[in-house]
N, C-alpha and C. Protein backbone atom coordinates (compact mmCIF):
# COMPACT_ATOMS: atom_id res chain seq x y z
N UNK A 1 100.65 118.07 167.16
CA UNK A 1 99.93 117.06 166.44
C UNK A 1 99.95 117.36 164.94
N UNK A 2 99.74 118.61 164.58
CA UNK A 2 99.74 119.00 163.18
C UNK A 2 101.10 118.74 162.55
N UNK A 3 102.17 118.99 163.29
CA UNK A 3 103.51 118.75 162.78
C UNK A 3 103.71 117.26 162.46
N UNK A 4 103.25 116.37 163.34
CA UNK A 4 103.37 114.94 163.09
C UNK A 4 102.59 114.53 161.86
N UNK A 5 101.41 115.05 161.68
CA UNK A 5 100.60 114.73 160.51
C UNK A 5 101.28 115.24 159.24
N UNK A 6 101.86 116.43 159.31
CA UNK A 6 102.57 116.98 158.16
C UNK A 6 103.78 116.14 157.81
N UNK A 7 104.55 115.74 158.80
CA UNK A 7 105.72 114.90 158.55
C UNK A 7 105.33 113.54 157.99
N UNK A 8 104.27 112.97 158.49
CA UNK A 8 103.82 111.67 157.99
C UNK A 8 103.39 111.77 156.53
N UNK A 9 102.77 112.87 156.16
CA UNK A 9 102.33 113.06 154.78
C UNK A 9 103.53 113.22 153.85
N UNK A 10 104.64 113.68 154.37
CA UNK A 10 105.84 113.90 153.56
C UNK A 10 106.67 112.63 153.38
N UNK A 11 106.37 111.60 154.12
CA UNK A 11 107.14 110.37 154.02
C UNK A 11 107.02 109.78 152.62
N UNK A 12 108.13 109.29 152.12
CA UNK A 12 108.12 108.69 150.79
C UNK A 12 107.36 107.37 150.85
N UNK A 13 106.85 106.91 149.71
CA UNK A 13 106.18 105.61 149.71
C UNK A 13 107.10 104.49 150.24
N UNK A 14 108.39 104.55 149.89
CA UNK A 14 109.31 103.52 150.36
C UNK A 14 109.43 103.53 151.88
N UNK A 15 109.49 104.72 152.46
CA UNK A 15 109.57 104.83 153.93
C UNK A 15 108.30 104.29 154.57
N UNK A 16 107.17 104.62 154.00
CA UNK A 16 105.89 104.14 154.55
C UNK A 16 105.78 102.63 154.47
N UNK A 17 106.20 102.06 153.32
CA UNK A 17 106.15 100.61 153.16
C UNK A 17 107.13 99.95 154.13
N UNK A 18 108.34 100.48 154.24
CA UNK A 18 109.33 99.91 155.16
C UNK A 18 108.79 99.91 156.59
N UNK A 19 108.23 101.01 157.01
CA UNK A 19 107.68 101.10 158.37
C UNK A 19 106.50 100.14 158.54
N UNK A 20 105.69 100.01 157.51
CA UNK A 20 104.56 99.08 157.57
C UNK A 20 105.03 97.64 157.70
N UNK A 21 106.08 97.28 156.96
CA UNK A 21 106.62 95.92 157.04
C UNK A 21 107.19 95.64 158.42
N UNK A 22 107.82 96.64 159.02
CA UNK A 22 108.32 96.47 160.40
C UNK A 22 107.16 96.30 161.37
N UNK A 23 106.07 97.03 161.14
CA UNK A 23 104.90 96.93 162.01
C UNK A 23 104.28 95.54 161.93
N UNK A 24 104.31 94.95 160.74
CA UNK A 24 103.79 93.59 160.56
C UNK A 24 104.67 92.59 161.32
N UNK A 25 105.95 92.92 161.46
CA UNK A 25 106.84 92.05 162.23
C UNK A 25 108.06 91.55 161.47
N UNK A 26 108.29 92.06 160.24
CA UNK A 26 109.50 91.69 159.52
C UNK A 26 110.69 92.44 160.11
N UNK A 27 111.87 91.87 160.00
CA UNK A 27 113.06 92.50 160.56
C UNK A 27 113.39 93.79 159.81
N UNK A 28 114.17 94.65 160.45
CA UNK A 28 114.57 95.93 159.85
C UNK A 28 115.29 95.75 158.50
N UNK A 29 116.32 94.87 158.42
CA UNK A 29 117.02 94.73 157.14
C UNK A 29 116.11 94.19 156.02
N UNK A 30 115.29 93.21 156.35
CA UNK A 30 114.39 92.64 155.35
C UNK A 30 113.34 93.68 154.94
N UNK A 31 112.81 94.42 155.89
CA UNK A 31 111.83 95.47 155.58
C UNK A 31 112.40 96.52 154.65
N UNK A 32 113.62 96.95 154.92
CA UNK A 32 114.26 97.96 154.09
C UNK A 32 114.50 97.44 152.67
N UNK A 33 114.97 96.22 152.57
CA UNK A 33 115.23 95.62 151.26
C UNK A 33 113.95 95.43 150.47
N UNK A 34 112.94 94.86 151.10
CA UNK A 34 111.68 94.56 150.40
C UNK A 34 110.94 95.83 150.00
N UNK A 35 110.99 96.85 150.83
CA UNK A 35 110.25 98.09 150.55
C UNK A 35 110.69 98.69 149.22
N UNK A 36 111.97 98.78 148.99
CA UNK A 36 112.46 99.36 147.74
C UNK A 36 111.98 98.59 146.53
N UNK A 37 112.03 97.28 146.60
CA UNK A 37 111.59 96.44 145.48
C UNK A 37 110.09 96.54 145.29
N UNK A 38 109.33 96.55 146.37
CA UNK A 38 107.88 96.57 146.26
C UNK A 38 107.37 97.90 145.72
N UNK A 39 107.96 98.99 146.13
CA UNK A 39 107.54 100.31 145.65
C UNK A 39 107.78 100.43 144.15
N UNK A 40 108.86 99.81 143.68
CA UNK A 40 109.18 99.87 142.26
C UNK A 40 108.25 99.00 141.42
N UNK A 41 107.63 97.99 142.01
CA UNK A 41 106.89 97.00 141.24
C UNK A 41 105.38 97.00 141.43
N UNK A 42 104.90 97.65 142.48
CA UNK A 42 103.46 97.65 142.77
C UNK A 42 102.87 99.05 142.62
N UNK A 43 101.60 99.09 142.30
CA UNK A 43 100.89 100.38 142.19
C UNK A 43 100.60 100.92 143.59
N UNK A 44 100.23 102.18 143.64
CA UNK A 44 99.85 102.77 144.94
C UNK A 44 98.65 102.07 145.53
N UNK A 45 97.72 101.65 144.69
CA UNK A 45 96.55 100.91 145.17
C UNK A 45 96.93 99.58 145.81
N UNK A 46 97.87 98.89 145.18
CA UNK A 46 98.34 97.62 145.73
C UNK A 46 99.11 97.84 147.03
N UNK A 47 99.91 98.88 147.08
CA UNK A 47 100.63 99.19 148.32
C UNK A 47 99.65 99.53 149.43
N UNK A 48 98.55 100.19 149.08
CA UNK A 48 97.53 100.52 150.07
C UNK A 48 96.88 99.24 150.63
N UNK A 49 96.64 98.26 149.75
CA UNK A 49 96.10 96.98 150.21
C UNK A 49 97.04 96.33 151.22
N UNK A 50 98.33 96.35 150.91
CA UNK A 50 99.32 95.79 151.82
C UNK A 50 99.33 96.52 153.15
N UNK A 51 99.15 97.83 153.09
CA UNK A 51 99.15 98.63 154.32
C UNK A 51 98.02 98.18 155.25
N UNK A 52 96.91 97.79 154.69
CA UNK A 52 95.78 97.33 155.52
C UNK A 52 96.14 96.05 156.29
N UNK A 53 97.02 95.23 155.73
CA UNK A 53 97.46 94.03 156.46
C UNK A 53 98.16 94.41 157.76
N UNK A 54 98.96 95.45 157.72
CA UNK A 54 99.71 95.89 158.89
C UNK A 54 98.83 96.41 160.00
N UNK A 55 97.68 96.88 159.65
CA UNK A 55 96.78 97.42 160.67
C UNK A 55 96.03 96.31 161.39
N UNK A 56 96.04 95.11 160.83
CA UNK A 56 95.34 94.00 161.45
C UNK A 56 96.07 93.47 162.69
N UNK A 57 97.40 93.38 162.60
CA UNK A 57 98.16 92.80 163.70
C UNK A 57 99.52 93.48 163.79
N UNK A 58 99.79 94.10 164.89
CA UNK A 58 101.09 94.74 165.09
C UNK A 58 102.00 93.81 165.87
N UNK A 59 103.22 93.66 165.36
CA UNK A 59 104.21 92.81 166.01
C UNK A 59 105.52 93.57 166.07
N UNK A 60 106.41 93.07 166.88
CA UNK A 60 107.75 93.66 166.96
C UNK A 60 108.57 93.21 165.76
N UNK A 61 109.49 94.07 165.28
CA UNK A 61 110.33 93.67 164.15
C UNK A 61 111.07 92.37 164.44
N UNK A 62 111.05 91.47 163.47
CA UNK A 62 111.72 90.19 163.59
C UNK A 62 110.83 89.07 164.09
N UNK A 63 109.57 89.35 164.42
CA UNK A 63 108.67 88.33 164.96
C UNK A 63 107.97 87.49 163.90
N UNK A 64 108.05 87.86 162.64
CA UNK A 64 107.36 87.12 161.59
C UNK A 64 108.36 86.75 160.50
N UNK A 65 108.15 85.60 159.92
CA UNK A 65 109.02 85.15 158.83
C UNK A 65 108.48 85.67 157.50
N UNK A 66 109.34 85.66 156.51
CA UNK A 66 108.91 86.06 155.17
C UNK A 66 107.83 85.10 154.68
N UNK A 67 107.99 83.82 154.97
CA UNK A 67 106.99 82.82 154.55
C UNK A 67 105.61 83.14 155.13
N UNK A 68 105.57 83.52 156.40
CA UNK A 68 104.29 83.87 157.03
C UNK A 68 103.70 85.13 156.39
N UNK A 69 104.54 86.10 156.07
CA UNK A 69 104.05 87.32 155.43
C UNK A 69 103.49 87.01 154.04
N UNK A 70 104.16 86.15 153.29
CA UNK A 70 103.65 85.75 151.97
C UNK A 70 102.29 85.09 152.14
N UNK A 71 102.17 84.24 153.14
CA UNK A 71 100.89 83.56 153.40
C UNK A 71 99.79 84.59 153.69
N UNK A 72 100.10 85.62 154.46
CA UNK A 72 99.12 86.66 154.78
C UNK A 72 98.71 87.44 153.52
N UNK A 73 99.66 87.66 152.62
CA UNK A 73 99.33 88.45 151.42
C UNK A 73 98.39 87.71 150.49
N UNK A 74 98.36 86.40 150.57
CA UNK A 74 97.43 85.63 149.73
C UNK A 74 95.98 86.00 150.02
N UNK A 75 95.70 86.43 151.24
CA UNK A 75 94.34 86.83 151.61
C UNK A 75 93.86 88.04 150.80
N UNK A 76 94.79 88.80 150.24
CA UNK A 76 94.43 89.98 149.45
C UNK A 76 93.89 89.60 148.07
N UNK A 77 94.11 88.37 147.67
CA UNK A 77 93.63 87.84 146.39
C UNK A 77 94.09 88.68 145.20
N UNK A 78 95.36 89.08 145.24
CA UNK A 78 95.98 89.82 144.14
C UNK A 78 97.26 89.07 143.77
N UNK A 79 97.23 88.31 142.67
CA UNK A 79 98.39 87.50 142.30
C UNK A 79 99.67 88.31 142.09
N UNK A 80 99.53 89.54 141.62
CA UNK A 80 100.72 90.37 141.41
C UNK A 80 101.37 90.74 142.75
N UNK A 81 100.58 91.06 143.74
CA UNK A 81 101.12 91.37 145.06
C UNK A 81 101.85 90.15 145.61
N UNK A 82 101.21 88.99 145.52
CA UNK A 82 101.83 87.77 146.04
C UNK A 82 103.14 87.49 145.31
N UNK A 83 103.17 87.67 144.00
CA UNK A 83 104.39 87.42 143.22
C UNK A 83 105.51 88.37 143.63
N UNK A 84 105.18 89.65 143.78
CA UNK A 84 106.20 90.64 144.14
C UNK A 84 106.69 90.41 145.58
N UNK A 85 105.79 90.14 146.49
CA UNK A 85 106.18 89.89 147.88
C UNK A 85 107.05 88.63 147.95
N UNK A 86 106.67 87.60 147.23
CA UNK A 86 107.44 86.35 147.24
C UNK A 86 108.83 86.55 146.67
N UNK A 87 108.91 87.16 145.49
CA UNK A 87 110.23 87.36 144.87
C UNK A 87 111.10 88.32 145.69
N UNK A 88 110.49 89.34 146.23
CA UNK A 88 111.24 90.29 147.07
C UNK A 88 111.74 89.61 148.33
N UNK A 89 110.89 88.80 148.91
CA UNK A 89 111.28 88.07 150.12
C UNK A 89 112.45 87.14 149.87
N UNK A 90 112.41 86.44 148.74
CA UNK A 90 113.50 85.51 148.41
C UNK A 90 114.82 86.27 148.20
N UNK A 91 114.75 87.35 147.44
CA UNK A 91 115.95 88.14 147.17
C UNK A 91 116.51 88.73 148.46
N UNK A 92 115.63 89.28 149.27
CA UNK A 92 116.07 89.98 150.48
C UNK A 92 116.52 89.03 151.58
N UNK A 93 116.02 87.81 151.57
CA UNK A 93 116.41 86.84 152.59
C UNK A 93 117.85 86.38 152.40
N UNK A 94 118.34 86.43 151.16
CA UNK A 94 119.71 85.94 150.92
C UNK A 94 120.73 87.06 150.92
N UNK A 95 120.29 88.29 151.09
CA UNK A 95 121.23 89.42 151.12
C UNK A 95 121.94 89.50 152.44
């Protein structure tokens, strides 16, 4: 158990965000693409807010659309998060 906790603490912010996006239900490729962009553009506090969204509802990767995820982020009432998630989603959807 201690080893798992230690490994989790060593995960990069990008890895944590990518895994969180997959937990929310975004596909693997979209999660990987969006995570890199979001980590570069959002503060750790904002990333933490996004992480709380993932704890509300766990889905299988690919079960949620980018549009639905953007809609969920509006509940955080942080315009910068919504802007980054929206722009990242648009860029990553066409890759």
